[in-house]
């Protein structure tokens, strides 16, 4: 495969001095975390998806979730004090984050967005999340993610 790309996400990690590994894989449209986990040879639970959502006032937010779990939008809304939360359409998510869907990273977004993360992510030794480009993940210690981003922990996972 080719060289890993330089993205806003990797530049932010380098600038913050956060150690990370780069992982390229063959991107499949609508393949999701099952494909990236298979290609990297890691458990899907350790591959963290970055989802851009909006609350009832159309205020954008990011939720980080295990690849093998879904987000309870009802519980997320309750925990953040909103009436409702729903996923953004791809073009709206791109406008908010600056990343194409399938390549969205919580790191280096176009503008600062509130970032919520499933609390159990921080129980893992290592996570893999999008590095800012389709077919590109970065591996890092989840505690380092909290050092570089202001993350609000939530409990909203659905198995």
Protein backbone atom coordinates (compact mmCIF):
# COMPACT_ATOMS: atom_id res chain seq x y z
CA UNK A 1 0.00 0.00 0.00
CA UNK A 2 0.97 3.62 -0.22
CA UNK A 3 2.35 5.90 2.45
CA UNK A 4 0.08 6.97 5.34
CA UNK A 5 -1.38 10.42 4.67
CA UNK A 6 -0.58 13.52 6.66
CA UNK A 7 -3.93 14.74 8.00
CA UNK A 8 -5.18 17.30 10.50
CA UNK A 9 -5.55 14.37 12.91
CA UNK A 10 -1.95 13.16 12.62
CA UNK A 11 -0.60 16.71 12.71
CA UNK A 12 -2.50 17.31 15.97
CA UNK A 13 -1.13 14.09 17.51
CA UNK A 14 2.44 14.96 16.47
CA UNK A 15 2.08 18.53 17.76
CA UNK A 16 0.82 17.21 21.12
CA UNK A 17 3.65 14.64 21.33
CA UNK A 18 1.19 11.74 21.51
CA UNK A 19 2.68 8.38 20.42
CA UNK A 20 0.58 6.58 17.83
CA UNK A 21 0.82 3.98 15.10
CA UNK A 22 -0.45 4.35 11.53
CA UNK A 23 -2.53 1.64 9.86
CA UNK A 24 -3.58 1.68 6.22
CA UNK A 25 -6.19 -0.77 4.97
CA UNK A 26 -8.27 -1.32 1.86
CA UNK A 27 -11.35 0.87 2.39
CA UNK A 28 -14.73 -0.62 1.46
CA UNK A 29 -17.74 1.65 0.98
CA UNK A 30 -20.23 0.94 3.82
CA UNK A 31 -17.80 -1.65 5.28
CA UNK A 32 -17.54 0.13 8.62
CA UNK A 33 -15.53 -1.06 11.57
CA UNK A 34 -16.02 -4.74 10.70
CA UNK A 35 -13.84 -4.28 7.61
CA UNK A 36 -11.17 -2.17 9.30
CA UNK A 37 -10.96 -4.59 12.26
CA UNK A 38 -10.63 -7.56 9.89
CA UNK A 39 -7.99 -5.80 7.77
CA UNK A 40 -5.95 -4.78 10.83
CA UNK A 41 -6.42 -8.13 12.58
CA UNK A 42 -7.83 -6.55 15.75
CA UNK A 43 -11.10 -6.95 17.64
CA UNK A 44 -13.94 -4.75 16.41
CA UNK A 45 -14.51 -3.64 20.01
CA UNK A 46 -11.15 -1.80 19.89
CA UNK A 47 -11.96 0.00 16.63
CA UNK A 48 -13.69 3.22 17.65
CA UNK A 49 -16.14 4.86 15.28
CA UNK A 50 -16.50 8.62 15.13
CA UNK A 51 -20.12 9.64 14.62
CA UNK A 52 -21.21 13.21 13.94
CA UNK A 53 -24.67 13.94 15.33
CA UNK A 54 -26.90 16.91 16.02
CA UNK A 55 -29.16 17.70 18.93
CA UNK A 56 -32.70 19.10 18.68
CA UNK A 57 -31.28 22.63 18.21
CA UNK A 58 -29.13 21.42 15.27
CA UNK A 59 -25.99 21.83 17.41
CA UNK A 60 -23.35 19.34 16.20
CA UNK A 61 -21.48 16.92 18.43
CA UNK A 62 -19.24 13.90 18.08
CA UNK A 63 -19.83 10.57 19.80
CA UNK A 64 -17.08 7.95 19.95
CA UNK A 65 -18.34 4.38 20.16
CA UNK A 66 -16.94 0.85 20.04
CA UNK A 67 -17.20 -0.61 16.54
CA UNK A 68 -19.32 -3.52 17.75
CA UNK A 69 -21.84 -1.33 19.61
CA UNK A 70 -24.56 1.11 18.64
CA UNK A 71 -25.40 4.46 20.24
CA UNK A 72 -28.63 4.89 22.17
CA UNK A 73 -29.50 8.36 20.89
CA UNK A 74 -32.30 8.58 23.45
CA UNK A 75 -29.87 7.93 26.32
CA UNK A 76 -27.25 10.24 24.78
CA UNK A 77 -29.82 13.05 24.58
CA UNK A 78 -30.77 12.45 28.21
CA UNK A 79 -27.15 12.47 29.40
CA UNK A 80 -26.25 15.68 27.55
CA UNK A 81 -29.48 17.52 28.42
CA UNK A 82 -30.99 17.61 24.93
CA UNK A 83 -34.52 16.71 23.85
CA UNK A 84 -33.20 14.49 21.06
CA UNK A 85 -30.07 13.55 19.13
CA UNK A 86 -29.82 12.11 15.64
CA UNK A 87 -27.04 11.29 13.17
CA UNK A 88 -26.19 13.98 10.66
CA UNK A 89 -26.63 13.42 6.95
CA UNK A 90 -23.20 12.78 5.34
CA UNK A 91 -22.96 16.24 3.75
CA UNK A 92 -23.86 17.93 7.05
CA UNK A 93 -21.33 15.79 8.96
CA UNK A 94 -18.69 16.80 6.40
CA UNK A 95 -19.56 20.48 6.82
CA UNK A 96 -19.25 20.24 10.62
CA UNK A 97 -16.08 18.14 10.82
CA UNK A 98 -14.24 18.89 7.59
CA UNK A 99 -13.86 15.13 7.03
CA UNK A 100 -15.62 12.87 4.53
CA UNK A 101 -17.88 10.24 6.09
CA UNK A 102 -15.82 7.06 6.31
CA UNK A 103 -12.77 9.17 7.13
CA UNK A 104 -14.04 11.21 10.07
CA UNK A 105 -11.65 11.62 12.98
CA UNK A 106 -12.41 13.31 16.30
CA UNK A 107 -8.92 14.81 16.02
CA UNK A 108 -8.33 17.99 14.02
CA UNK A 109 -11.92 18.76 13.10
CA UNK A 110 -12.61 21.88 11.07
CA UNK A 111 -14.08 23.55 14.13
CA UNK A 112 -14.16 22.52 17.76
CA UNK A 113 -17.09 20.20 18.43
CA UNK A 114 -18.20 18.74 21.77
CA UNK A 115 -16.83 15.20 21.95
CA UNK A 116 -18.63 12.52 23.93
CA UNK A 117 -17.13 9.05 24.31
CA UNK A 118 -18.50 5.77 25.58
CA UNK A 119 -16.84 5.48 29.01
CA UNK A 120 -15.77 1.85 28.51
CA UNK A 121 -13.43 2.91 25.68
CA UNK A 122 -11.04 4.11 28.38
CA UNK A 123 -10.88 0.63 29.92
CA UNK A 124 -9.01 -0.60 26.82
CA UNK A 125 -5.22 -0.64 26.54
CA UNK A 126 -5.22 0.45 22.90
CA UNK A 127 -7.79 1.80 20.48
CA UNK A 128 -7.88 2.35 16.75
CA UNK A 129 -9.72 5.32 15.37
CA UNK A 130 -9.91 7.11 12.09
CA UNK A 131 -6.83 9.09 11.22
CA UNK A 132 -8.67 11.56 9.00
CA UNK A 133 -8.84 9.67 5.73
CA UNK A 134 -10.77 6.69 4.38
CA UNK A 135 -8.73 3.52 4.84
CA UNK A 136 -6.47 5.01 7.52
CA UNK A 137 -6.62 4.38 11.27
CA UNK A 138 -4.32 5.46 14.07
CA UNK A 139 -3.66 3.29 17.10
CA UNK A 140 -3.15 4.90 20.49
CA UNK A 141 -3.68 4.63 24.21
CA UNK A 142 -7.20 5.95 24.95
CA UNK A 143 -5.84 7.91 27.91
CA UNK A 144 -3.70 9.87 25.42
CA UNK A 145 -6.88 10.69 23.51
CA UNK A 146 -8.21 12.37 26.65
CA UNK A 147 -4.96 14.31 26.99
CA UNK A 148 -5.32 15.86 23.54
CA UNK A 149 -9.12 16.24 23.40
CA UNK A 150 -11.66 17.47 25.92
CA UNK A 151 -13.79 14.33 26.08
CA UNK A 152 -17.01 13.95 28.06
CA UNK A 153 -17.60 10.34 29.08
CA UNK A 154 -21.10 8.90 28.64
CA UNK A 155 -22.73 5.47 28.99
CA UNK A 156 -24.86 5.08 25.88
CA UNK A 157 -23.75 1.78 24.28
CA UNK A 158 -26.23 -0.73 22.93
CA UNK A 159 -24.71 -4.22 22.36
